[in-house]
């Protein structure tokens, strides 16, 4: 009985871990880790490294831009609010062409 309960608890923990990975972007910035919600459950861009990447390269990725990576870049001081708006408008316009 105890063995079965333990097995169900482990399965529940593993299921939650998979759900967490499906539902969040995990952004690595050197030694710091940030995460924010995805707009849909997917494994695409679950882990993303900011190190040595230009803001233009990061903002070019539709999934990250639409889910709010621009706000994180502003919060980290990588870009300012004005530059975020310019990059979002630029790549959103390209998306609809």
Protein backbone atom coordinates (compact mmCIF):
# COMPACT_ATOMS: atom_id res chain seq x y z
CA UNK A 1 0.00 0.00 0.00
CA UNK A 2 2.74 2.46 0.98
CA UNK A 3 4.69 1.54 -2.15
CA UNK A 4 1.67 2.37 -4.35
CA UNK A 5 1.10 5.72 -2.64
CA UNK A 6 4.78 6.60 -3.04
CA UNK A 7 4.59 5.68 -6.74
CA UNK A 8 1.55 7.96 -7.26
CA UNK A 9 3.28 10.82 -5.45
CA UNK A 10 6.37 10.48 -7.66
CA UNK A 11 4.21 10.35 -10.80
CA UNK A 12 2.35 13.47 -9.63
CA UNK A 13 5.60 15.35 -9.02
CA UNK A 14 6.96 14.35 -12.44
CA UNK A 15 3.69 15.38 -14.13
CA UNK A 16 3.85 18.79 -12.44
CA UNK A 17 7.48 19.25 -13.57
CA UNK A 18 6.51 18.51 -17.19
CA UNK A 19 3.55 20.91 -16.91
CA UNK A 20 5.84 23.62 -15.49
CA UNK A 21 8.25 23.19 -18.41
CA UNK A 22 5.39 23.29 -20.93
CA UNK A 23 3.95 26.44 -19.35
CA UNK A 24 7.07 28.60 -18.74
CA UNK A 25 10.06 30.07 -20.56
CA UNK A 26 13.19 29.65 -18.44
CA UNK A 27 15.63 32.41 -19.33
CA UNK A 28 19.27 32.05 -18.32
CA UNK A 29 21.24 35.25 -17.84
CA UNK A 30 24.71 34.28 -16.67
CA UNK A 31 24.20 33.07 -13.11
CA UNK A 32 20.62 34.31 -12.83
CA UNK A 33 17.50 32.41 -13.87
CA UNK A 34 14.24 34.13 -14.83
CA UNK A 35 10.99 32.60 -15.95
CA UNK A 36 7.72 33.84 -17.38
CA UNK A 37 4.53 32.29 -18.74
CA UNK A 38 4.13 31.01 -22.27
CA UNK A 39 1.02 31.86 -24.25
CA UNK A 40 0.43 28.19 -25.06
CA UNK A 41 1.66 24.84 -23.76
CA UNK A 42 4.72 23.88 -25.81
CA UNK A 43 8.36 22.89 -25.39
CA UNK A 44 9.50 25.53 -27.88
CA UNK A 45 12.00 27.98 -26.34
CA UNK A 46 11.58 26.47 -22.88
CA UNK A 47 15.24 27.22 -22.11
CA UNK A 48 16.89 30.28 -23.64
CA UNK A 49 20.31 31.79 -22.90
CA UNK A 50 20.64 35.59 -23.10
CA UNK A 51 24.43 35.63 -22.82
CA UNK A 52 26.22 37.12 -25.85
CA UNK A 53 22.98 37.75 -27.76
CA UNK A 54 21.97 41.12 -29.13
CA UNK A 55 18.51 42.47 -28.19
CA UNK A 56 17.53 42.40 -31.88
CA UNK A 57 18.30 38.68 -32.05
CA UNK A 58 16.24 37.98 -28.95
CA UNK A 59 13.27 40.12 -29.99
CA UNK A 60 13.22 38.56 -33.47
CA UNK A 61 11.85 35.31 -31.99
CA UNK A 62 8.05 35.51 -32.25
CA UNK A 63 7.28 33.16 -29.34
CA UNK A 64 9.49 35.03 -26.88
CA UNK A 65 8.45 38.50 -28.08
CA UNK A 66 4.73 37.71 -27.93
CA UNK A 67 5.07 36.24 -24.44
CA UNK A 68 6.84 39.32 -23.06
CA UNK A 69 10.61 38.93 -23.20
CA UNK A 70 10.84 42.66 -23.96
CA UNK A 71 9.63 43.47 -20.45
CA UNK A 72 12.30 41.18 -19.00
CA UNK A 73 15.01 42.86 -21.11
CA UNK A 74 13.87 46.26 -19.81
CA UNK A 75 13.82 44.96 -16.23
CA UNK A 76 17.38 43.63 -16.62
CA UNK A 77 18.55 46.95 -18.07
CA UNK A 78 19.59 45.45 -21.41
CA UNK A 79 17.31 47.82 -23.34
CA UNK A 80 15.11 50.76 -22.39
CA UNK A 81 11.35 51.06 -22.85
CA UNK A 82 11.67 53.11 -26.04
CA UNK A 83 14.00 50.58 -27.69
CA UNK A 84 11.64 47.77 -26.65
CA UNK A 85 8.72 49.50 -28.37
CA UNK A 86 10.78 50.09 -31.52
CA UNK A 87 11.88 46.44 -31.71
CA UNK A 88 8.38 45.11 -30.98
CA UNK A 89 6.85 47.30 -33.68
CA UNK A 90 9.57 46.36 -36.17
CA UNK A 91 9.22 42.60 -35.75
CA UNK A 92 5.44 42.65 -35.35
CA UNK A 93 5.20 44.48 -38.68
CA UNK A 94 7.46 41.86 -40.31
CA UNK A 95 5.27 39.10 -38.91
CA UNK A 96 2.21 40.42 -40.76
CA UNK A 97 3.93 41.00 -44.11
